[in-house]
Amino acid sequence: MNRLFARRSRPVPAPASVQPPCADLSGMSLPFSPLITELLAVNVHTRQLIALAQQERCPEEFRLAAHAVLKHILEAWALQTGGRGSIEDLLMDLPAPRVTGVFGTPGSQEHG
């Protein structure tokens, strides 16, 4: 029975600096509605995608899953805007991705 409660012999590494879930949404007012709370949960979960994408290669599966997520977001945005909202509204003022030297990107191959 003591084996069930034995302590780990290896220390568990502390997570890298963790930002509060709403750190990048500081201009948002409180309290949150269920809709905004759900979007905040999506935001927290998607933060891990960048690190995971550096470790794994599954572009087709990623595209299919991302498509489903974006479809739901766009449908909800259309409802929020009475059908007038577009993907451009959601992408406005976003910085360009900073991806260099990754396989399959223009910066990953030497030109010569």
C-alpha atoms as a PDB file:
ATOM      1  CA  MET A   1       0.000   0.000   0.000  1.00  0.00           C
ATOM      2  CA  ASN A   2       2.921   2.326   0.660  1.00  0.00           C
ATOM      3  CA  ARG A   3       3.868   2.104  -3.000  1.00  0.00           C
ATOM      4  CA  LEU A   4       0.628   3.810  -3.990  1.00  0.00           C
ATOM      5  CA  PHE A   5       1.553   6.895  -1.999  1.00  0.00           C
ATOM      6  CA  ALA A   6       5.292   6.901  -2.634  1.00  0.00           C
ATOM      7  CA  ARG A   7       6.789  10.256  -3.502  1.00  0.00           C
ATOM      8  CA  ARG A   8       8.278  10.844  -6.903  1.00  0.00           C
ATOM      9  CA  SER A   9      12.033  10.536  -7.009  1.00  0.00           C
ATOM     10  CA  ARG A  10      12.366  13.032  -9.854  1.00  0.00           C
ATOM     11  CA  PRO A  11      11.454  16.665  -9.297  1.00  0.00           C
ATOM     12  CA  VAL A  12       8.730  18.018 -11.533  1.00  0.00           C
ATOM     13  CA  PRO A  13      10.001  21.051 -13.456  1.00  0.00           C
ATOM     14  CA  ALA A  14       8.218  24.321 -12.785  1.00  0.00           C
ATOM     15  CA  PRO A  15       6.267  25.615 -15.765  1.00  0.00           C
ATOM     16  CA  ALA A  16       7.837  28.397 -17.803  1.00  0.00           C
ATOM     17  CA  SER A  17       6.553  31.841 -16.982  1.00  0.00           C
ATOM     18  CA  VAL A  18       2.798  31.579 -17.024  1.00  0.00           C
ATOM     19  CA  GLN A  19       0.781  34.627 -17.922  1.00  0.00           C
ATOM     20  CA  PRO A  20      -2.656  35.168 -16.459  1.00  0.00           C
ATOM     21  CA  PRO A  21      -5.395  33.907 -18.806  1.00  0.00           C
ATOM     22  CA  CYS A  22      -6.551  37.423 -19.649  1.00  0.00           C
ATOM     23  CA  ALA A  23      -3.122  39.076 -19.936  1.00  0.00           C
ATOM     24  CA  ASP A  24      -3.548  39.900 -23.620  1.00  0.00           C
ATOM     25  CA  LEU A  25      -7.155  41.040 -23.134  1.00  0.00           C
ATOM     26  CA  SER A  26      -6.575  43.715 -20.512  1.00  0.00           C
ATOM     27  CA  GLY A  27      -8.955  46.185 -22.184  1.00  0.00           C
ATOM     28  CA  MET A  28     -11.942  43.900 -21.655  1.00  0.00           C
ATOM     29  CA  SER A  29     -14.435  44.836 -18.974  1.00  0.00           C
ATOM     30  CA  LEU A  30     -15.655  42.508 -16.217  1.00  0.00           C
ATOM     31  CA  PRO A  31     -17.781  40.500 -15.506  1.00  0.00           C
ATOM     32  CA  PHE A  32     -17.698  38.135 -18.428  1.00  0.00           C
ATOM     33  CA  SER A  33     -20.751  36.575 -20.016  1.00  0.00           C
ATOM     34  CA  PRO A  34     -20.835  32.823 -20.747  1.00  0.00           C
ATOM     35  CA  LEU A  35     -19.969  33.604 -24.381  1.00  0.00           C
ATOM     36  CA  ILE A  36     -16.886  35.643 -23.456  1.00  0.00           C
ATOM     37  CA  THR A  37     -15.870  33.128 -20.786  1.00  0.00           C
ATOM     38  CA  GLU A  38     -15.911  30.382 -23.418  1.00  0.00           C
ATOM     39  CA  LEU A  39     -13.804  32.482 -25.790  1.00  0.00           C
ATOM     40  CA  LEU A  40     -11.334  33.144 -22.981  1.00  0.00           C
ATOM     41  CA  ALA A  41     -11.073  29.384 -22.439  1.00  0.00           C
ATOM     42  CA  VAL A  42     -10.314  28.945 -26.145  1.00  0.00           C
ATOM     43  CA  ASN A  43      -7.662  31.646 -25.836  1.00  0.00           C
ATOM     44  CA  VAL A  44      -6.005  29.882 -22.905  1.00  0.00           C
ATOM     45  CA  HIS A  45      -5.995  26.517 -24.665  1.00  0.00           C
ATOM     46  CA  THR A  46      -4.692  27.842 -27.978  1.00  0.00           C
ATOM     47  CA  ARG A  47      -1.620  29.402 -26.360  1.00  0.00           C
ATOM     48  CA  GLN A  48      -0.090  25.936 -26.293  1.00  0.00           C
ATOM     49  CA  LEU A  49      -0.396  25.521 -30.063  1.00  0.00           C
ATOM     50  CA  ILE A  50       2.770  27.456 -30.892  1.00  0.00           C
ATOM     51  CA  ALA A  51       4.985  25.315 -28.679  1.00  0.00           C
ATOM     52  CA  LEU A  52       3.312  22.109 -29.824  1.00  0.00           C
ATOM     53  CA  ALA A  53       3.608  23.075 -33.501  1.00  0.00           C
ATOM     54  CA  GLN A  54       7.371  23.363 -33.016  1.00  0.00           C
ATOM     55  CA  GLN A  55       7.484  19.781 -31.732  1.00  0.00           C
ATOM     56  CA  GLU A  56       5.074  17.995 -34.063  1.00  0.00           C
ATOM     57  CA  ARG A  57       4.422  17.797 -37.796  1.00  0.00           C
ATOM     58  CA  CYS A  58       0.813  16.987 -38.718  1.00  0.00           C
ATOM     59  CA  PRO A  59      -0.249  19.791 -41.088  1.00  0.00           C
ATOM     60  CA  GLU A  60      -3.298  18.104 -42.620  1.00  0.00           C
ATOM     61  CA  GLU A  61      -4.795  17.115 -39.269  1.00  0.00           C
ATOM     62  CA  PHE A  62      -4.009  20.593 -37.933  1.00  0.00           C
ATOM     63  CA  ARG A  63      -5.751  22.201 -40.923  1.00  0.00           C
ATOM     64  CA  LEU A  64      -8.882  20.090 -40.445  1.00  0.00           C
ATOM     65  CA  ALA A  65      -9.121  20.755 -36.698  1.00  0.00           C
ATOM     66  CA  ALA A  66      -8.334  24.477 -37.120  1.00  0.00           C
ATOM     67  CA  HIS A  67     -10.970  24.701 -39.840  1.00  0.00           C
ATOM     68  CA  ALA A  68     -13.613  23.353 -37.460  1.00  0.00           C
ATOM     69  CA  VAL A  69     -12.623  25.808 -34.708  1.00  0.00           C
ATOM     70  CA  LEU A  70     -12.557  28.780 -37.083  1.00  0.00           C
ATOM     71  CA  LYS A  71     -15.920  27.771 -38.547  1.00  0.00           C
ATOM     72  CA  HIS A  72     -17.525  27.953 -35.103  1.00  0.00           C
ATOM     73  CA  ILE A  73     -15.878  31.279 -34.344  1.00  0.00           C
ATOM     74  CA  LEU A  74     -17.016  32.774 -37.663  1.00  0.00           C
ATOM     75  CA  GLU A  75     -20.577  31.498 -37.220  1.00  0.00           C
ATOM     76  CA  ALA A  76     -20.704  33.042 -33.745  1.00  0.00           C
ATOM     77  CA  TRP A  77     -19.203  36.295 -35.064  1.00  0.00           C
ATOM     78  CA  ALA A  78     -21.875  36.423 -37.775  1.00  0.00           C
ATOM     79  CA  LEU A  79     -24.556  36.079 -35.098  1.00  0.00           C
ATOM     80  CA  GLN A  80     -22.912  38.809 -32.997  1.00  0.00           C
ATOM     81  CA  THR A  81     -22.856  41.220 -35.939  1.00  0.00           C
ATOM     82  CA  GLY A  82     -26.215  40.434 -37.510  1.00  0.00           C
ATOM     83  CA  GLY A  83     -24.484  38.701 -40.404  1.00  0.00           C
ATOM     84  CA  ARG A  84     -22.300  41.692 -41.243  1.00  0.00           C
ATOM     85  CA  GLY A  85     -19.092  40.459 -39.592  1.00  0.00           C
ATOM     86  CA  SER A  86     -16.246  38.992 -41.603  1.00  0.00           C
ATOM     87  CA  ILE A  87     -12.969  37.220 -40.966  1.00  0.00           C
ATOM     88  CA  GLU A  88     -11.216  40.489 -41.778  1.00  0.00           C
ATOM     89  CA  ASP A  89     -12.893  42.099 -38.748  1.00  0.00           C
ATOM     90  CA  LEU A  90     -11.349  39.469 -36.496  1.00  0.00           C
ATOM     91  CA  LEU A  91      -7.911  39.617 -38.126  1.00  0.00           C
ATOM     92  CA  MET A  92      -7.667  43.403 -38.200  1.00  0.00           C
ATOM     93  CA  ASP A  93      -4.619  44.814 -36.407  1.00  0.00           C
ATOM     94  CA  LEU A  94      -3.060  41.408 -35.730  1.00  0.00           C
ATOM     95  CA  PRO A  95       0.708  41.298 -36.166  1.00  0.00           C
ATOM     96  CA  ALA A  96       2.067  39.031 -38.882  1.00  0.00           C
ATOM     97  CA  PRO A  97       3.296  35.623 -37.673  1.00  0.00           C
ATOM     98  CA  ARG A  98       7.010  35.578 -36.832  1.00  0.00           C
ATOM     99  CA  VAL A  99       8.010  32.272 -38.385  1.00  0.00           C
ATOM    100  CA  THR A 100      11.494  31.989 -39.864  1.00  0.00           C
ATOM    101  CA  GLY A 101      13.638  29.032 -40.713  1.00  0.00           C
ATOM    102  CA  VAL A 102      10.782  26.539 -40.458  1.00  0.00           C
ATOM    103  CA  PHE A 103      10.607  23.741 -42.994  1.00  0.00           C
ATOM    104  CA  GLY A 104       8.346  24.738 -45.868  1.00  0.00           C
ATOM    105  CA  THR A 105       8.593  28.501 -45.348  1.00  0.00           C
ATOM    106  CA  PRO A 106      10.450  30.885 -47.671  1.00  0.00           C
ATOM    107  CA  GLY A 107      13.077  31.685 -45.018  1.00  0.00           C
ATOM    108  CA  SER A 108      13.937  28.021 -44.453  1.00  0.00           C
ATOM    109  CA  GLN A 109      15.934  27.388 -47.612  1.00  0.00           C
ATOM    110  CA  GLU A 110      19.111  28.945 -48.832  1.00  0.00           C
ATOM    111  CA  HIS A 111      18.850  30.781 -52.089  1.00  0.00           C
ATOM    112  CA  GLY A 112      21.713  30.618 -54.418  1.00  0.00           C
END
